[in-house]
Amino acid sequence: MRGDPSAPADRDAHMDVTYRAARVEDLAACLDLFQESVSDMRLRHNLPSRPQLDGAHRLEMYRHFLSTGIFHVAEADGRLVAFASAIVRQHLWFLSGFWALPGMQQRHIGMHLLRGVWDAGRHAGATTFFVWSSIDLPAMAAYMKVGMLPGSQILFLEGTPLLEAEAALGYVTELLRADLAGTLDETVLGIRRDMDHDLLIRSGWHARQVMHAGQAVGYYYVHDGTIGPAAWTDAAHASALLTLACREAPAADSRLTLMIPGMNHAALRFGFDSGLRLTGFAHLLMSGPFGHLERYLPSGPGLF
């Protein structure tokens, strides 16, 4: 549910800043803004550079947020200086993007945008709000001020896994069916998000459902050496599902990445037992608990 482009634009009391709903023609500028802002954030925090999502795919993601969610921008002197986007899936609101140009940060512009997309989500029926946060302290403070408090870390495990040959005996994989993905999401996350699965499939992500004794016990996606989203019905299936995913996931350099919510102890044990290294972390902040994240791996900070 997008903001209404016909609604009156607000202006910042201290700067000539206009807040409005995003339009399709804004998205290329949002991509440039993101790339500049994330590079600045990594430099300020002395973080190693990480491979960035392909620009064309990120634009496709932005179009998805615009058409299926909430997307607001801030303009100053005719230039986009910040944006915030969120997706609402039934009762869950997820902040899919929140960035401001380096020179425009800590000037209350971001907080104005954040409250706007939060209110739009509440009006759309959301009751639980969450975000995949970087370690940037001003951003974290903004999230906590509006009500998203620490839930857990999201831990990055990377490397070349050492997999047991018989770890997945009795399990087979099939192409992921849309109806099964929706059912598993309802079980694990408490919502359906068919439109997000459609986007991942259109974008070429490799999706499989995992079967055991004739029953579906989970699904996983792999893309460019990263596993996620992935979900399973019971902790007993975690190791087999992740083994199958790891056999398909490695890119050309045979390395892969798992991004694991801190409460997902089965995935953490699997990663460390397989020889993966802890290389970084982000924060999962939320207004309240939801779903069964101990049986889930997110895809990243865009769709979760």
C-alpha atoms as a PDB file:
ATOM      1  CA  MET A   1       0.000   0.000   0.000  1.00  0.00           C
ATOM      2  CA  ARG A   2       1.893   3.055  -1.224  1.00  0.00           C
ATOM      3  CA  GLY A   3       1.623   6.535   0.117  1.00  0.00           C
ATOM      4  CA  ASP A   4      -0.850   8.639  -1.841  1.00  0.00           C
ATOM      5  CA  PRO A   5       1.028  10.718  -4.447  1.00  0.00           C
ATOM      6  CA  SER A   6      -1.841  13.186  -4.473  1.00  0.00           C
ATOM      7  CA  ALA A   7      -1.526  13.918  -0.736  1.00  0.00           C
ATOM      8  CA  PRO A   8      -0.136  17.356   0.187  1.00  0.00           C
ATOM      9  CA  ALA A   9       3.645  17.367   0.467  1.00  0.00           C
ATOM     10  CA  ASP A  10       5.156  18.167   3.883  1.00  0.00           C
ATOM     11  CA  ARG A  11       8.070  20.553   4.241  1.00  0.00           C
ATOM     12  CA  ASP A  12      10.797  20.360   6.865  1.00  0.00           C
ATOM     13  CA  ALA A  13      10.579  23.265   9.303  1.00  0.00           C
ATOM     14  CA  HIS A  14      14.339  23.971   9.170  1.00  0.00           C
ATOM     15  CA  MET A  15      15.230  23.095   5.582  1.00  0.00           C
ATOM     16  CA  ASP A  16      13.614  23.265   2.204  1.00  0.00           C
ATOM     17  CA  VAL A  17      12.802  19.532   2.240  1.00  0.00           C
ATOM     18  CA  THR A  18       9.760  17.940   0.639  1.00  0.00           C
ATOM     19  CA  TYR A  19       8.434  14.533   1.714  1.00  0.00           C
ATOM     20  CA  ARG A  20       6.305  12.556  -0.710  1.00  0.00           C
ATOM     21  CA  ALA A  21       5.466   9.132  -2.052  1.00  0.00           C
ATOM     22  CA  ALA A  22       8.053   7.750  -4.446  1.00  0.00           C
ATOM     23  CA  ARG A  23       7.410   7.420  -8.172  1.00  0.00           C
ATOM     24  CA  VAL A  24       8.877   4.976 -10.665  1.00  0.00           C
ATOM     25  CA  GLU A  25      11.102   7.688 -12.103  1.00  0.00           C
ATOM     26  CA  ASP A  26      12.718   8.171  -8.652  1.00  0.00           C
ATOM     27  CA  LEU A  27      14.101   4.653  -8.398  1.00  0.00           C
ATOM     28  CA  ALA A  28      17.334   5.141 -10.341  1.00  0.00           C
ATOM     29  CA  ALA A  29      18.197   8.070  -8.065  1.00  0.00           C
ATOM     30  CA  CYS A  30      17.355   5.899  -5.048  1.00  0.00           C
ATOM     31  CA  LEU A  31      19.845   3.314  -6.313  1.00  0.00           C
ATOM     32  CA  ASP A  32      22.571   5.971  -6.604  1.00  0.00           C
ATOM     33  CA  LEU A  33      21.697   7.277  -3.136  1.00  0.00           C
ATOM     34  CA  PHE A  34      21.912   3.775  -1.670  1.00  0.00           C
ATOM     35  CA  GLN A  35      25.297   3.061  -3.219  1.00  0.00           C
ATOM     36  CA  GLU A  36      26.762   6.344  -1.946  1.00  0.00           C
ATOM     37  CA  SER A  37      25.266   5.946   1.517  1.00  0.00           C
ATOM     38  CA  VAL A  38      26.239   2.326   2.091  1.00  0.00           C
ATOM     39  CA  SER A  39      29.819   3.028   0.977  1.00  0.00           C
ATOM     40  CA  ASP A  40      29.980   5.921   3.443  1.00  0.00           C
ATOM     41  CA  MET A  41      28.551   3.760   6.235  1.00  0.00           C
ATOM     42  CA  ARG A  42      31.113   1.026   5.673  1.00  0.00           C
ATOM     43  CA  LEU A  43      33.929   3.564   5.593  1.00  0.00           C
ATOM     44  CA  ARG A  44      32.778   5.222   8.838  1.00  0.00           C
ATOM     45  CA  HIS A  45      32.598   1.879  10.627  1.00  0.00           C
ATOM     46  CA  ASN A  46      35.783   0.443   9.092  1.00  0.00           C
ATOM     47  CA  LEU A  47      33.815  -2.460   7.650  1.00  0.00           C
ATOM     48  CA  PRO A  48      35.202  -4.609   4.841  1.00  0.00           C
ATOM     49  CA  SER A  49      33.573  -4.133   1.482  1.00  0.00           C
ATOM     50  CA  ARG A  50      31.038  -6.804   0.523  1.00  0.00           C
ATOM     51  CA  PRO A  51      29.782  -7.737  -2.937  1.00  0.00           C
ATOM     52  CA  GLN A  52      26.812  -5.550  -3.757  1.00  0.00           C
ATOM     53  CA  LEU A  53      23.573  -6.787  -5.239  1.00  0.00           C
ATOM     54  CA  ASP A  54      23.537  -6.283  -8.997  1.00  0.00           C
ATOM     55  CA  GLY A  55      22.214  -2.810  -9.807  1.00  0.00           C
ATOM     56  CA  ALA A  56      19.571  -4.092 -12.219  1.00  0.00           C
ATOM     57  CA  HIS A  57      18.313  -6.567  -9.612  1.00  0.00           C
ATOM     58  CA  ARG A  58      18.238  -3.898  -6.898  1.00  0.00           C
ATOM     59  CA  LEU A  59      16.155  -1.689  -9.195  1.00  0.00           C
ATOM     60  CA  GLU A  60      13.788  -4.605  -9.668  1.00  0.00           C
ATOM     61  CA  MET A  61      13.576  -4.907  -5.886  1.00  0.00           C
ATOM     62  CA  TYR A  62      12.783  -1.193  -5.605  1.00  0.00           C
ATOM     63  CA  ARG A  63      10.036  -1.555  -8.186  1.00  0.00           C
ATOM     64  CA  HIS A  64       8.689  -4.444  -6.104  1.00  0.00           C
ATOM     65  CA  PHE A  65       8.685  -2.335  -2.926  1.00  0.00           C
ATOM     66  CA  LEU A  66       6.963   0.489  -4.780  1.00  0.00           C
ATOM     67  CA  SER A  67       4.234  -1.685  -6.294  1.00  0.00           C
ATOM     68  CA  THR A  68       3.595  -3.998  -3.326  1.00  0.00           C
ATOM     69  CA  GLY A  69       4.573  -1.892  -0.329  1.00  0.00           C
ATOM     70  CA  ILE A  70       5.276   1.621   0.932  1.00  0.00           C
ATOM     71  CA  PHE A  71       7.975   3.879  -0.525  1.00  0.00           C
ATOM     72  CA  HIS A  72       8.580   7.484   0.562  1.00  0.00           C
ATOM     73  CA  VAL A  73      11.328   9.917  -0.444  1.00  0.00           C
ATOM     74  CA  ALA A  74      12.689  13.269   0.736  1.00  0.00           C
ATOM     75  CA  GLU A  75      13.742  15.941  -1.743  1.00  0.00           C
ATOM     76  CA  ALA A  76      15.897  19.023  -1.171  1.00  0.00           C
ATOM     77  CA  ASP A  77      16.536  21.553  -3.924  1.00  0.00           C
ATOM     78  CA  GLY A  78      15.161  19.147  -6.497  1.00  0.00           C
ATOM     79  CA  ARG A  79      17.428  16.277  -5.471  1.00  0.00           C
ATOM     80  CA  LEU A  80      16.491  13.093  -3.637  1.00  0.00           C
ATOM     81  CA  VAL A  81      18.348  13.064  -0.328  1.00  0.00           C
ATOM     82  CA  ALA A  82      16.730  10.165   1.558  1.00  0.00           C
ATOM     83  CA  PHE A  83      14.218   7.355   1.179  1.00  0.00           C
ATOM     84  CA  ALA A  84      12.415   4.790   3.291  1.00  0.00           C
ATOM     85  CA  SER A  85      10.550   1.736   2.038  1.00  0.00           C
ATOM     86  CA  ALA A  86       8.624  -1.005   3.788  1.00  0.00           C
ATOM     87  CA  ILE A  87       6.564  -4.040   2.878  1.00  0.00           C
ATOM     88  CA  VAL A  88       3.403  -5.115   4.696  1.00  0.00           C
ATOM     89  CA  ARG A  89       2.524  -8.797   4.546  1.00  0.00           C
ATOM     90  CA  GLN A  90      -0.650  -9.380   6.560  1.00  0.00           C
ATOM     91  CA  HIS A  91       0.213  -8.268  10.119  1.00  0.00           C
ATOM     92  CA  LEU A  92       3.986  -7.946   9.539  1.00  0.00           C
ATOM     93  CA  TRP A  93       5.694  -4.682   8.515  1.00  0.00           C
ATOM     94  CA  PHE A  94       9.335  -4.952   7.454  1.00  0.00           C
ATOM     95  CA  LEU A  95      11.560  -1.941   6.755  1.00  0.00           C
ATOM     96  CA  SER A  96      13.107  -2.893   3.423  1.00  0.00           C
ATOM     97  CA  GLY A  97      15.186   0.251   2.892  1.00  0.00           C
ATOM     98  CA  PHE A  98      16.207   3.338   4.897  1.00  0.00           C
ATOM     99  CA  TRP A  99      19.025   5.539   3.610  1.00  0.00           C
ATOM    100  CA  ALA A 100      20.058   9.204   3.544  1.00  0.00           C
ATOM    101  CA  LEU A 101      22.918  10.890   1.754  1.00  0.00           C
ATOM    102  CA  PRO A 102      25.963  11.336   4.020  1.00  0.00           C
ATOM    103  CA  GLY A 103      25.576  15.112   4.189  1.00  0.00           C
ATOM    104  CA  MET A 104      21.914  14.865   5.129  1.00  0.00           C
ATOM    105  CA  GLN A 105      22.153  12.419   8.011  1.00  0.00           C
ATOM    106  CA  GLN A 106      21.262  13.290  11.636  1.00  0.00           C
ATOM    107  CA  ARG A 107      19.128  16.232  10.506  1.00  0.00           C
ATOM    108  CA  HIS A 108      15.779  14.598  11.409  1.00  0.00           C
ATOM    109  CA  ILE A 109      14.953  13.903   7.752  1.00  0.00           C
ATOM    110  CA  GLY A 110      15.275  10.152   8.166  1.00  0.00           C
ATOM    111  CA  MET A 111      13.124  10.108  11.297  1.00  0.00           C
ATOM    112  CA  HIS A 112      10.363  11.962   9.461  1.00  0.00           C
ATOM    113  CA  LEU A 113      10.450   9.366   6.665  1.00  0.00           C
ATOM    114  CA  LEU A 114      10.606   6.465   9.105  1.00  0.00           C
ATOM    115  CA  ARG A 115       7.541   7.641  10.999  1.00  0.00           C
ATOM    116  CA  GLY A 116       5.731   8.132   7.706  1.00  0.00           C
ATOM    117  CA  VAL A 117       6.235   4.580   6.458  1.00  0.00           C
ATOM    118  CA  TRP A 118       5.516   3.249   9.974  1.00  0.00           C
ATOM    119  CA  ASP A 119       2.171   5.095  10.096  1.00  0.00           C
ATOM    120  CA  ALA A 120       1.315   3.938   6.575  1.00  0.00           C
ATOM    121  CA  GLY A 121       1.990   0.356   7.647  1.00  0.00           C
ATOM    122  CA  ARG A 122      -0.181   0.718  10.722  1.00  0.00           C
ATOM    123  CA  HIS A 123      -3.028   2.045   8.567  1.00  0.00           C
ATOM    124  CA  ALA A 124      -2.517  -0.952   6.244  1.00  0.00           C
ATOM    125  CA  GLY A 125      -3.123  -3.335   9.146  1.00  0.00           C
ATOM    126  CA  ALA A 126       0.388  -4.074  10.414  1.00  0.00           C
ATOM    127  CA  THR A 127       0.703  -4.846  14.116  1.00  0.00           C
ATOM    128  CA  THR A 128       4.303  -6.110  14.306  1.00  0.00           C
ATOM    129  CA  PHE A 129       7.202  -4.042  12.961  1.00  0.00           C
ATOM    130  CA  PHE A 130      10.782  -5.208  12.394  1.00  0.00           C
ATOM    131  CA  VAL A 131      14.002  -4.305  10.628  1.00  0.00           C
ATOM    132  CA  TRP A 132      17.326  -5.824   9.630  1.00  0.00           C
ATOM    133  CA  SER A 133      19.623  -3.128  11.014  1.00  0.00           C
ATOM    134  CA  SER A 134      23.257  -2.469  10.277  1.00  0.00           C
ATOM    135  CA  ILE A 135      25.539  -1.564  13.184  1.00  0.00           C
ATOM    136  CA  ASP A 136      25.149   2.157  12.374  1.00  0.00           C
ATOM    137  CA  LEU A 137      24.340   3.724  15.748  1.00  0.00           C
ATOM    138  CA  PRO A 138      22.162   6.675  14.603  1.00  0.00           C
ATOM    139  CA  ALA A 139      20.027   4.320  12.497  1.00  0.00           C
ATOM    140  CA  MET A 140      19.701   1.856  15.374  1.00  0.00           C
ATOM    141  CA  ALA A 141      18.671   4.680  17.707  1.00  0.00           C
ATOM    142  CA  ALA A 142      16.001   5.796  15.236  1.00  0.00           C
ATOM    143  CA  TYR A 143      14.571   2.290  15.041  1.00  0.00           C
ATOM    144  CA  MET A 144      14.468   1.937  18.807  1.00  0.00           C
ATOM    145  CA  LYS A 145      12.848   5.352  19.251  1.00  0.00           C
ATOM    146  CA  VAL A 146       9.878   4.319  17.118  1.00  0.00           C
ATOM    147  CA  GLY A 147       9.492   1.031  18.989  1.00  0.00           C
ATOM    148  CA  MET A 148      11.681  -1.616  17.353  1.00  0.00           C
ATOM    149  CA  LEU A 149      13.865  -3.007  20.143  1.00  0.00           C
ATOM    150  CA  PRO A 150      16.645  -5.623  20.091  1.00  0.00           C
ATOM    151  CA  GLY A 151      15.487  -9.132  19.232  1.00  0.00           C
ATOM    152  CA  SER A 152      18.734 -10.882  18.277  1.00  0.00           C
ATOM    153  CA  GLN A 153      21.796 -10.631  16.120  1.00  0.00           C
ATOM    154  CA  ILE A 154      21.848 -11.863  12.534  1.00  0.00           C
ATOM    155  CA  LEU A 155      25.134 -13.724  12.246  1.00  0.00           C
ATOM    156  CA  PHE A 156      27.041 -14.140   8.971  1.00  0.00           C
ATOM    157  CA  LEU A 157      28.806 -17.485   8.574  1.00  0.00           C
ATOM    158  CA  GLU A 158      30.939 -17.917   5.462  1.00  0.00           C
ATOM    159  CA  GLY A 159      33.411 -20.301   3.922  1.00  0.00           C
ATOM    160  CA  THR A 160      33.681 -23.639   2.173  1.00  0.00           C
ATOM    161  CA  PRO A 161      31.589 -26.197   4.070  1.00  0.00           C
ATOM    162  CA  LEU A 162      32.781 -29.683   4.925  1.00  0.00           C
ATOM    163  CA  LEU A 163      29.670 -31.796   4.420  1.00  0.00           C
ATOM    164  CA  GLU A 164      29.079 -35.320   5.627  1.00  0.00           C
ATOM    165  CA  ALA A 165      28.336 -37.638   2.711  1.00  0.00           C
ATOM    166  CA  GLU A 166      25.343 -39.266   4.419  1.00  0.00           C
ATOM    167  CA  ALA A 167      23.980 -36.199   6.198  1.00  0.00           C
ATOM    168  CA  ALA A 168      20.857 -35.991   4.027  1.00  0.00           C
ATOM    169  CA  LEU A 169      19.968 -39.646   3.496  1.00  0.00           C
ATOM    170  CA  GLY A 170      16.227 -40.114   3.069  1.00  0.00           C
ATOM    171  CA  TYR A 171      15.678 -36.533   1.872  1.00  0.00           C
ATOM    172  CA  VAL A 172      15.032 -35.451  -1.717  1.00  0.00           C
ATOM    173  CA  THR A 173      14.487 -32.090  -3.365  1.00  0.00           C
ATOM    174  CA  GLU A 174      11.949 -30.916  -5.930  1.00  0.00           C
ATOM    175  CA  LEU A 175      11.156 -27.626  -7.614  1.00  0.00           C
ATOM    176  CA  LEU A 176       9.470 -25.374  -5.068  1.00  0.00           C
ATOM    177  CA  ARG A 177       5.710 -25.130  -5.570  1.00  0.00           C
ATOM    178  CA  ALA A 178       4.094 -21.775  -4.832  1.00  0.00           C
ATOM    179  CA  ASP A 179       1.328 -23.300  -2.726  1.00  0.00           C
ATOM    180  CA  LEU A 180       3.844 -25.188  -0.586  1.00  0.00           C
ATOM    181  CA  ALA A 181       5.987 -22.076  -0.086  1.00  0.00           C
ATOM    182  CA  GLY A 182       2.913 -20.214   1.138  1.00  0.00           C
ATOM    183  CA  THR A 183       1.937 -23.001   3.526  1.00  0.00           C
ATOM    184  CA  LEU A 184       5.434 -23.232   4.989  1.00  0.00           C
ATOM    185  CA  ASP A 185       5.609 -19.456   5.399  1.00  0.00           C
ATOM    186  CA  GLU A 186       2.327 -19.519   7.312  1.00  0.00           C
ATOM    187  CA  THR A 187       3.763 -22.219   9.579  1.00  0.00           C
ATOM    188  CA  VAL A 188       7.176 -20.621  10.158  1.00  0.00           C
ATOM    189  CA  LEU A 189       6.597 -16.863   9.770  1.00  0.00           C
ATOM    190  CA  GLY A 190       2.877 -16.615  10.384  1.00  0.00           C
ATOM    191  CA  ILE A 191       2.146 -14.938   7.030  1.00  0.00           C
ATOM    192  CA  ARG A 192       1.934 -15.649   3.315  1.00  0.00           C
ATOM    193  CA  ARG A 193       4.065 -13.671   0.885  1.00  0.00           C
ATOM    194  CA  ASP A 194       3.387 -15.173  -2.522  1.00  0.00           C
ATOM    195  CA  MET A 195       4.363 -11.954  -4.315  1.00  0.00           C
ATOM    196  CA  ASP A 196       7.866 -12.083  -2.819  1.00  0.00           C
ATOM    197  CA  HIS A 197       8.398 -15.676  -3.911  1.00  0.00           C
ATOM    198  CA  ASP A 198       7.258 -14.639  -7.391  1.00  0.00           C
ATOM    199  CA  LEU A 199       9.937 -11.928  -7.443  1.00  0.00           C
ATOM    200  CA  LEU A 200      12.723 -14.295  -6.390  1.00  0.00           C
ATOM    201  CA  ILE A 201      11.738 -16.886  -8.982  1.00  0.00           C
ATOM    202  CA  ARG A 202      11.525 -14.229 -11.734  1.00  0.00           C
ATOM    203  CA  SER A 203      14.962 -13.006 -10.695  1.00  0.00           C
ATOM    204  CA  GLY A 204      16.483 -16.424 -11.283  1.00  0.00           C
ATOM    205  CA  TRP A 205      16.951 -17.586  -7.695  1.00  0.00           C
ATOM    206  CA  HIS A 206      17.227 -21.368  -7.374  1.00  0.00           C
ATOM    207  CA  ALA A 207      14.296 -22.647  -5.262  1.00  0.00           C
ATOM    208  CA  ARG A 208      13.771 -26.168  -3.917  1.00  0.00           C
ATOM    209  CA  GLN A 209      11.341 -27.881  -1.575  1.00  0.00           C
ATOM    210  CA  VAL A 210      12.688 -30.663   0.620  1.00  0.00           C
ATOM    211  CA  MET A 211      10.742 -33.912   0.991  1.00  0.00           C
ATOM    212  CA  HIS A 212      11.134 -36.611   3.642  1.00  0.00           C
ATOM    213  CA  ALA A 213       9.046 -39.782   3.801  1.00  0.00           C
ATOM    214  CA  GLY A 214       6.719 -38.274   1.209  1.00  0.00           C
ATOM    215  CA  GLN A 215       6.108 -35.117   3.234  1.00  0.00           C
ATOM    216  CA  ALA A 216       7.315 -31.578   2.579  1.00  0.00           C
ATOM    217  CA  VAL A 217       9.565 -30.522   5.459  1.00  0.00           C
ATOM    218  CA  GLY A 218      10.990 -27.246   4.184  1.00  0.00           C
ATOM    219  CA  TYR A 219      12.273 -25.140   1.317  1.00  0.00           C
ATOM    220  CA  TYR A 220      15.380 -23.189   0.467  1.00  0.00           C
ATOM    221  CA  TYR A 221      16.665 -20.716  -2.102  1.00  0.00           C
ATOM    222  CA  VAL A 222      20.256 -20.366  -3.267  1.00  0.00           C
ATOM    223  CA  HIS A 223      21.678 -17.425  -5.175  1.00  0.00           C
ATOM    224  CA  ASP A 224      25.292 -16.423  -5.811  1.00  0.00           C
ATOM    225  CA  GLY A 225      26.572 -18.625  -3.015  1.00  0.00           C
ATOM    226  CA  THR A 226      24.029 -17.428  -0.433  1.00  0.00           C
ATOM    227  CA  ILE A 227      21.363 -19.641   1.132  1.00  0.00           C
ATOM    228  CA  GLY A 228      18.077 -17.967   2.016  1.00  0.00           C
ATOM    229  CA  PRO A 229      15.269 -17.614   2.447  1.00  0.00           C
ATOM    230  CA  ALA A 230      14.956 -21.087   3.920  1.00  0.00           C
ATOM    231  CA  ALA A 231      12.397 -22.590   6.279  1.00  0.00           C
ATOM    232  CA  TRP A 232      11.787 -25.975   7.852  1.00  0.00           C
ATOM    233  CA  THR A 233       8.986 -27.509   9.845  1.00  0.00           C
ATOM    234  CA  ASP A 234      11.041 -29.025  12.657  1.00  0.00           C
ATOM    235  CA  ALA A 235      14.576 -28.676  14.006  1.00  0.00           C
ATOM    236  CA  ALA A 236      15.137 -32.362  13.217  1.00  0.00           C
ATOM    237  CA  HIS A 237      15.204 -31.481   9.494  1.00  0.00           C
ATOM    238  CA  ALA A 238      17.600 -28.520   9.743  1.00  0.00           C
ATOM    239  CA  SER A 239      20.883 -30.323   9.140  1.00  0.00           C
ATOM    240  CA  ALA A 240      19.613 -32.337   6.158  1.00  0.00           C
ATOM    241  CA  LEU A 241      17.978 -29.314   4.530  1.00  0.00           C
ATOM    242  CA  LEU A 242      21.051 -27.141   4.985  1.00  0.00           C
ATOM    243  CA  THR A 243      23.317 -29.924   3.695  1.00  0.00           C
ATOM    244  CA  LEU A 244      21.236 -30.179   0.519  1.00  0.00           C
ATOM    245  CA  ALA A 245      21.255 -26.403   0.118  1.00  0.00           C
ATOM    246  CA  CYS A 246      25.012 -26.193   0.631  1.00  0.00           C
ATOM    247  CA  ARG A 247      25.604 -28.796  -2.055  1.00  0.00           C
ATOM    248  CA  GLU A 248      23.868 -26.496  -4.548  1.00  0.00           C
ATOM    249  CA  ALA A 249      24.861 -23.083  -3.227  1.00  0.00           C
ATOM    250  CA  PRO A 250      28.602 -22.543  -3.715  1.00  0.00           C
ATOM    251  CA  ALA A 251      29.541 -20.069  -6.400  1.00  0.00           C
ATOM    252  CA  ALA A 252      32.637 -20.363  -8.570  1.00  0.00           C
ATOM    253  CA  ASP A 253      34.988 -19.910  -5.589  1.00  0.00           C
ATOM    254  CA  SER A 254      33.202 -22.716  -3.651  1.00  0.00           C
ATOM    255  CA  ARG A 255      32.362 -20.350  -0.796  1.00  0.00           C
ATOM    256  CA  LEU A 256      28.900 -19.791   0.607  1.00  0.00           C
ATOM    257  CA  THR A 257      27.117 -17.543   3.078  1.00  0.00           C
ATOM    258  CA  LEU A 258      24.518 -18.255   5.737  1.00  0.00           C
ATOM    259  CA  MET A 259      22.780 -15.330   7.470  1.00  0.00           C
ATOM    260  CA  ILE A 260      21.371 -16.757  10.688  1.00  0.00           C
ATOM    261  CA  PRO A 261      19.060 -15.210  13.299  1.00  0.00           C
ATOM    262  CA  GLY A 262      20.619 -15.683  16.720  1.00  0.00           C
ATOM    263  CA  MET A 263      17.771 -17.861  17.974  1.00  0.00           C
ATOM    264  CA  ASN A 264      18.316 -20.375  15.144  1.00  0.00           C
ATOM    265  CA  HIS A 265      20.673 -22.599  17.101  1.00  0.00           C
ATOM    266  CA  ALA A 266      20.315 -25.553  14.721  1.00  0.00           C
ATOM    267  CA  ALA A 267      21.636 -23.507  11.794  1.00  0.00           C
ATOM    268  CA  LEU A 268      24.440 -22.029  13.898  1.00  0.00           C
ATOM    269  CA  ARG A 269      25.547 -25.484  15.026  1.00  0.00           C
ATOM    270  CA  PHE A 270      25.397 -26.739  11.440  1.00  0.00           C
ATOM    271  CA  GLY A 271      27.490 -23.823  10.201  1.00  0.00           C
ATOM    272  CA  PHE A 272      30.216 -24.149  12.787  1.00  0.00           C
ATOM    273  CA  ASP A 273      30.256 -27.959  12.549  1.00  0.00           C
ATOM    274  CA  SER A 274      30.734 -27.548   8.782  1.00  0.00           C
ATOM    275  CA  GLY A 275      33.772 -25.339   9.257  1.00  0.00           C
ATOM    276  CA  LEU A 276      32.212 -21.974   8.359  1.00  0.00           C
ATOM    277  CA  ARG A 277      33.631 -18.829   9.964  1.00  0.00           C
ATOM    278  CA  LEU A 278      31.794 -16.016  11.716  1.00  0.00           C
ATOM    279  CA  THR A 279      32.547 -12.967   9.562  1.00  0.00           C
ATOM    280  CA  GLY A 280      30.077 -10.310  10.676  1.00  0.00           C
ATOM    281  CA  PHE A 281      26.693  -9.514  12.098  1.00  0.00           C
ATOM    282  CA  ALA A 282      23.672  -7.262  11.863  1.00  0.00           C
ATOM    283  CA  HIS A 283      20.820  -6.629  14.292  1.00  0.00           C
ATOM    284  CA  LEU A 284      17.234  -7.823  14.190  1.00  0.00           C
ATOM    285  CA  LEU A 285      15.099  -5.174  15.906  1.00  0.00           C
ATOM    286  CA  MET A 286      11.374  -5.697  16.382  1.00  0.00           C
ATOM    287  CA  SER A 287       8.324  -4.289  18.092  1.00  0.00           C
ATOM    288  CA  GLY A 288       7.385  -7.788  19.262  1.00  0.00           C
ATOM    289  CA  PRO A 289       8.176 -11.446  18.563  1.00  0.00           C
ATOM    290  CA  PHE A 290       6.738 -13.215  15.533  1.00  0.00           C
ATOM    291  CA  GLY A 291       6.861 -16.595  13.868  1.00  0.00           C
ATOM    292  CA  HIS A 292       9.438 -19.301  14.524  1.00  0.00           C
ATOM    293  CA  LEU A 293      12.731 -17.715  13.520  1.00  0.00           C
ATOM    294  CA  GLU A 294      14.566 -20.655  15.093  1.00  0.00           C
ATOM    295  CA  ARG A 295      13.518 -22.485  11.904  1.00  0.00           C
ATOM    296  CA  TYR A 296      14.227 -19.762   9.371  1.00  0.00           C
ATOM    297  CA  LEU A 297      17.062 -18.176   7.388  1.00  0.00           C
ATOM    298  CA  PRO A 298      16.365 -14.776   5.812  1.00  0.00           C
ATOM    299  CA  SER A 299      17.344 -13.778   2.303  1.00  0.00           C
ATOM    300  CA  GLY A 300      18.830 -10.422   3.290  1.00  0.00           C
ATOM    301  CA  PRO A 301      17.864  -6.898   4.349  1.00  0.00           C
ATOM    302  CA  GLY A 302      15.525  -6.283   1.415  1.00  0.00           C
ATOM    303  CA  LEU A 303      12.802  -8.931   1.783  1.00  0.00           C
ATOM    304  CA  PHE A 304      13.923 -10.836   4.885  1.00  0.00           C
END
